[in-house]
Structures are given as structure tokens and as C-alpha cells.
Amino acid sequence: MEAARRNPDRTVLAPRGSGKFKKTKLLGLAGQSVAVIGCGKGKYLEFVLASGRKAVGLDISPVCAAEAHARCAGRAVLADALVLPFPDNSFDTVTLWDILEHLHDDCAALRESLRVARRNVLISVPGEDSLPDHSSGLTFRTYIDPTHVRYYTRQRLESLLSLCSQKDYTVERFDRVRPALMYRRIGIPRPVLSLLDRLLWLLSSKSDRFMRNYFVEVRLRAGREIVEQ
């Protein structure tokens, strides 16, 4: 885990939300060919194509795959993240945006993505919620999503990467939860809640507990050499 120690957790305030953060990471880290796993209706696939990169989107949902296919000029296909229909080293970059938490075998999905990637795999997953009282419904909606199989901690991510024999990676926390806004149903004006959020952020000694997502870049050293040659 030497590389993990060289690349400790970083907390990043995502500008204008999660989508902006992911797009910035794509522009900065992705190679010239990208596989968007779990592309949904094609939002990020469309963005990658617009950046001038070659890209293919995959989704297990026939409805989503068909919509992304129509939206992105036929660049989306119906496929399972556990059995990707591509040979080894097919893409510079593979993205797994908010996919692993939905899968019973996240390790198999990550191994498949690593298999078809030459340069790196970019991952976004929801962090484990440390905020209490889920039963009240007063929590961020990602933490009560019934399709989520699990949530992630730094330790869980390290264990997953270790199972895949990956040592060169960085982990960041991003896109903070605004806990005071959970209580807007009780009638407190939104400007007051926003002020409370700012105070909570400034006063918190452990700001990471207000960050709802993890971002991981897994770098493939041999693949990077291929790309750069």
C-alpha cells in the first residue's frame, strides 16, 4: 500500500456540484478513448464525445442504453459491467461513475474495467453515511437509495483495490452534504438554513464527515507507458 500512503485522502469542494467535479476530472485525466460504464441516458457520454475524444457508453438497462444510443449517435450499447464486450486494453480510460454501489460483485466489475483500460480507471462512489437517524427521512437522498448495495469508506476502497492488485491510486472526498438543509421540512427559511450550513462547515473539526462521495483514480503504470509512446 506504499502508493496509497504517498497519495493520502484529499477533501475537495466540488464547484457547482458533483457533475462539474466529474467533468473536470474527465478533462484532466482521461485519455483519448473512453468507456463510460453505466452510461445511463448518455449525459457523460455526450460530454466526453463533445470534448473530442472517442467514447463508447454501456448500460445494462435496455431503456437507458437505447436512449443513450439515440442521444449520442449510436455510441452506446447494451452490456453488463461484469462482462464487458471488449478485448483487453481497448480504451485509455474507463469510468465507473456511481456504479459500484449498485452491484453485488463490485470486485468483478472493477476487474473487468481494469482489464479493458490501458491508462486509468476513474471511480465515483457514495461515502458511508455517518449522519444519524435515517428512519426519519431527514438525510441526504443518496443514503436512502434502495438500489444501493453498499456504501464506501477509505478502508473498503483500499480492500477492493487490494483484491484487484492495484497499488497506484489516489482517493479524494468531494461534494459535501449540507446537513441543515435536511430539516427544511420543519419550516425554517432556506436563507437561515444556508447560514447554518456555513457555520457547521466552518466550526466542524472533521469536515470530511460532510463529504458525500469518494473519487478514485486507479493508474495503470504499464498502460500509461503504452499511451505515452
Protein backbone atom coordinates (compact mmCIF):
# COMPACT_ATOMS: atom_id res chain seq x y z
CA MET A 1 0.00 0.00 0.00
CA GLU A 2 3.00 2.30 -0.43
CA ALA A 3 1.39 4.28 -3.22
CA ALA A 4 -1.71 4.78 -1.10
CA ARG A 5 0.42 6.30 1.65
CA ARG A 6 2.07 8.61 -0.86
CA ASN A 7 -1.37 9.71 -2.02
CA PRO A 8 -3.46 10.37 1.12
CA ASP A 9 -7.12 11.36 1.19
CA ARG A 10 -7.85 14.84 -0.07
CA THR A 11 -11.02 16.78 0.53
CA VAL A 12 -12.22 18.76 -2.48
CA LEU A 13 -15.11 21.20 -2.62
CA ALA A 14 -16.70 20.32 -5.94
CA PRO A 15 -17.55 23.52 -7.85
CA ARG A 16 -21.28 23.64 -8.56
CA GLY A 17 -21.82 20.05 -7.54
CA SER A 18 -20.88 16.53 -8.41
CA GLY A 19 -21.40 16.80 -12.17
CA LYS A 20 -18.98 19.70 -12.54
CA PHE A 21 -16.38 17.86 -10.47
CA LYS A 22 -16.60 14.71 -12.61
CA LYS A 23 -16.42 16.64 -15.88
CA THR A 24 -13.33 18.48 -14.65
CA LYS A 25 -11.71 15.15 -13.74
CA LEU A 26 -12.57 13.70 -17.13
CA LEU A 27 -10.97 16.61 -18.97
CA GLY A 28 -7.86 16.45 -16.82
CA LEU A 29 -7.28 12.71 -16.51
CA ALA A 30 -8.95 10.83 -19.37
CA GLY A 31 -7.02 9.68 -22.41
CA GLN A 32 -8.25 9.90 -25.97
CA SER A 33 -10.57 6.87 -25.81
CA VAL A 34 -13.09 6.34 -23.01
CA ALA A 35 -15.57 3.65 -22.00
CA VAL A 36 -18.41 5.06 -19.89
CA ILE A 37 -19.70 2.13 -17.86
CA GLY A 38 -23.28 2.55 -16.67
CA CYS A 39 -23.81 5.47 -19.03
CA GLY A 40 -27.49 5.86 -18.16
CA LYS A 41 -29.21 8.13 -20.66
CA GLY A 42 -25.90 9.41 -22.01
CA LYS A 43 -25.15 12.67 -20.17
CA TYR A 44 -21.46 11.98 -19.50
CA LEU A 45 -21.02 10.04 -22.74
CA GLU A 46 -22.27 13.08 -24.63
CA PHE A 47 -19.84 15.28 -22.72
CA VAL A 48 -16.86 13.01 -23.49
CA LEU A 49 -17.72 12.93 -27.18
CA ALA A 50 -18.10 16.72 -27.24
CA SER A 51 -14.57 17.03 -25.81
CA GLY A 52 -13.20 15.43 -28.99
CA ARG A 53 -12.47 12.01 -27.51
CA LYS A 54 -13.58 8.67 -28.87
CA ALA A 55 -16.07 7.09 -26.49
CA VAL A 56 -18.48 4.22 -26.02
CA GLY A 57 -21.20 4.01 -23.39
CA LEU A 58 -22.59 0.84 -21.86
CA ASP A 59 -25.65 0.24 -19.74
CA ILE A 60 -27.46 -2.87 -18.54
CA SER A 61 -30.85 -1.16 -18.83
CA PRO A 62 -32.36 -1.57 -22.32
CA VAL A 63 -34.26 1.70 -21.90
CA CYS A 64 -31.19 3.69 -20.88
CA ALA A 65 -28.95 2.08 -23.50
CA ALA A 66 -31.47 2.86 -26.23
CA GLU A 67 -31.87 6.47 -25.14
CA ALA A 68 -28.09 6.99 -24.89
CA HIS A 69 -27.69 5.30 -28.29
CA ALA A 70 -30.12 7.78 -29.83
CA ARG A 71 -28.70 10.76 -27.97
CA CYS A 72 -25.06 10.02 -28.78
CA ALA A 73 -25.13 9.00 -32.44
CA GLY A 74 -25.05 5.26 -31.85
CA ARG A 75 -22.17 5.30 -29.38
CA ALA A 76 -23.98 3.35 -26.64
CA VAL A 77 -24.58 -0.38 -26.34
CA LEU A 78 -26.49 -2.74 -24.07
CA ALA A 79 -23.97 -4.56 -21.86
CA ASP A 80 -23.25 -5.80 -18.35
CA ALA A 81 -20.42 -4.19 -16.33
CA LEU A 82 -19.44 -7.68 -15.15
CA VAL A 83 -18.85 -8.97 -18.70
CA LEU A 84 -17.61 -6.15 -20.91
CA PRO A 85 -17.77 -6.97 -24.65
CA PHE A 86 -14.26 -5.68 -25.42
CA PRO A 87 -10.78 -7.21 -25.61
CA ASP A 88 -8.05 -6.32 -23.15
CA ASN A 89 -6.60 -2.80 -23.27
CA SER A 90 -9.35 -1.43 -25.52
CA PHE A 91 -9.59 2.08 -24.01
CA ASP A 92 -7.24 4.60 -22.48
CA THR A 93 -9.74 5.34 -19.71
CA VAL A 94 -12.76 3.62 -18.18
CA THR A 95 -15.23 5.49 -15.96
CA LEU A 96 -17.34 3.95 -13.22
CA TRP A 97 -19.45 6.91 -12.12
CA ASP A 98 -21.79 5.85 -9.28
CA ILE A 99 -21.96 2.23 -10.46
CA LEU A 100 -20.12 0.01 -7.99
CA GLU A 101 -22.51 0.72 -5.11
CA HIS A 102 -25.34 -0.85 -7.15
CA LEU A 103 -23.53 -4.13 -7.87
CA HIS A 104 -23.39 -7.21 -5.66
CA ASP A 105 -19.92 -8.03 -7.03
CA ASP A 106 -18.09 -4.71 -7.18
CA CYS A 107 -14.75 -6.51 -7.34
CA ALA A 108 -15.68 -8.35 -10.55
CA ALA A 109 -16.87 -5.12 -12.14
CA LEU A 110 -13.68 -3.29 -11.24
CA ARG A 111 -11.53 -6.13 -12.56
CA GLU A 112 -13.39 -6.01 -15.88
CA SER A 113 -12.85 -2.26 -16.12
CA LEU A 114 -9.16 -2.66 -15.32
CA ARG A 115 -8.90 -5.37 -17.96
CA VAL A 116 -10.13 -3.15 -20.79
CA ALA A 117 -8.30 0.01 -19.63
CA ARG A 118 -4.79 0.98 -20.70
CA ARG A 119 -4.22 4.18 -18.75
CA ASN A 120 -6.61 4.58 -15.82
CA VAL A 121 -9.99 3.84 -14.29
CA LEU A 122 -11.95 6.72 -12.76
CA ILE A 123 -14.40 5.81 -9.99
CA SER A 124 -17.06 7.70 -8.07
CA VAL A 125 -18.93 6.04 -5.18
CA PRO A 126 -21.02 7.32 -2.26
CA GLY A 127 -19.29 7.51 1.09
CA GLU A 128 -20.66 5.72 4.11
CA ASP A 129 -23.06 8.00 5.95
CA SER A 130 -22.05 8.98 9.48
CA LEU A 131 -25.11 11.18 9.92
CA PRO A 132 -27.79 9.65 12.17
CA ASP A 133 -31.50 8.92 12.03
CA HIS A 134 -32.14 7.52 8.56
CA SER A 135 -35.59 6.35 9.64
CA SER A 136 -36.81 9.94 9.91
CA GLY A 137 -36.09 10.57 6.22
CA LEU A 138 -34.08 13.63 7.28
CA THR A 139 -30.93 12.62 5.46
CA PHE A 140 -29.33 13.12 2.07
CA ARG A 141 -31.26 11.12 -0.51
CA THR A 142 -28.26 9.08 -1.70
CA TYR A 143 -28.15 7.41 1.72
CA ILE A 144 -31.67 6.03 1.44
CA ASP A 145 -31.47 4.89 -2.19
CA PRO A 146 -32.97 1.36 -2.17
CA THR A 147 -30.83 0.30 -5.15
CA HIS A 148 -27.57 0.81 -3.24
CA VAL A 149 -26.00 -2.45 -2.08
CA ARG A 150 -23.28 -0.77 -0.01
CA TYR A 151 -21.52 2.50 0.86
CA TYR A 152 -17.79 3.07 0.98
CA THR A 153 -15.11 4.09 3.41
CA ARG A 154 -11.45 4.65 2.64
CA GLN A 155 -10.74 1.21 4.16
CA ARG A 156 -13.36 -0.53 2.00
CA LEU A 157 -11.93 1.09 -1.12
CA GLU A 158 -8.39 0.06 -0.19
CA SER A 159 -9.56 -3.53 0.37
CA LEU A 160 -11.30 -3.55 -3.01
CA LEU A 161 -8.24 -2.20 -4.80
CA SER A 162 -6.02 -4.68 -2.98
CA LEU A 163 -8.19 -7.57 -4.21
CA CYS A 164 -7.56 -6.29 -7.73
CA SER A 165 -3.80 -5.97 -7.04
CA GLN A 166 -3.87 -2.21 -7.62
CA LYS A 167 -1.42 -0.05 -5.65
CA ASP A 168 -1.12 3.15 -7.67
CA TYR A 169 -4.18 5.27 -6.91
CA THR A 170 -5.44 8.42 -5.27
CA VAL A 171 -8.59 8.90 -3.21
CA GLU A 172 -10.48 12.16 -2.75
CA ARG A 173 -13.65 13.16 -0.93
CA PHE A 174 -15.92 15.59 -2.75
CA ASP A 175 -19.35 17.20 -2.93
CA ARG A 176 -20.33 18.00 0.63
CA VAL A 177 -23.65 17.26 2.25
CA ARG A 178 -25.37 20.31 3.69
CA PRO A 179 -26.91 18.74 6.78
CA ALA A 180 -29.02 21.70 7.90
CA LEU A 181 -30.96 21.54 4.64
CA MET A 182 -32.21 18.11 5.70
CA TYR A 183 -34.55 19.89 8.07
CA ARG A 184 -36.17 22.30 5.63
CA ARG A 185 -39.47 20.42 6.04
CA ILE A 186 -39.92 21.87 9.53
CA GLY A 187 -40.36 25.37 8.16
CA ILE A 188 -37.03 27.10 8.75
CA PRO A 189 -36.45 29.63 5.92
CA ARG A 190 -33.87 28.48 3.39
CA PRO A 191 -31.56 31.53 3.90
CA VAL A 192 -31.35 30.66 7.60
CA LEU A 193 -30.55 27.03 6.77
CA SER A 194 -27.84 28.13 4.33
CA LEU A 195 -26.27 30.25 7.05
CA LEU A 196 -26.38 27.30 9.46
CA ASP A 197 -24.69 25.14 6.83
CA ARG A 198 -21.84 27.61 6.50
CA LEU A 199 -21.41 27.77 10.28
CA LEU A 200 -21.40 23.98 10.57
CA TRP A 201 -18.73 23.76 7.87
CA LEU A 202 -16.54 26.43 9.49
CA LEU A 203 -16.89 25.03 13.01
CA SER A 204 -16.54 21.34 12.20
CA SER A 205 -13.26 19.78 13.30
CA LYS A 206 -13.88 16.85 10.95
CA SER A 207 -15.17 18.35 7.73
CA ASP A 208 -14.84 15.02 5.91
CA ARG A 209 -18.00 13.78 7.60
CA PHE A 210 -19.91 16.29 5.47
CA MET A 211 -18.49 14.97 2.18
CA ARG A 212 -20.82 12.52 0.47
CA ASN A 213 -18.69 10.96 -2.30
CA TYR A 214 -15.32 9.35 -2.94
CA PHE A 215 -13.40 9.82 -6.17
CA VAL A 216 -10.65 7.33 -7.07
CA GLU A 217 -8.22 7.38 -9.93
CA VAL A 218 -6.57 3.98 -10.43
CA ARG A 219 -3.47 4.40 -12.59
CA LEU A 220 -2.19 1.53 -14.72
CA ARG A 221 1.55 2.01 -14.99
CA ALA A 222 2.18 -0.32 -17.95
CA GLY A 223 -0.81 1.15 -19.76
CA ARG A 224 0.40 4.69 -19.22
CA GLU A 225 3.70 3.80 -20.89
CA ILE A 226 1.77 2.46 -23.90
CA VAL A 227 -0.24 5.69 -24.16
CA GLU A 228 2.80 7.92 -23.92
CA GLN A 229 4.86 6.06 -26.52
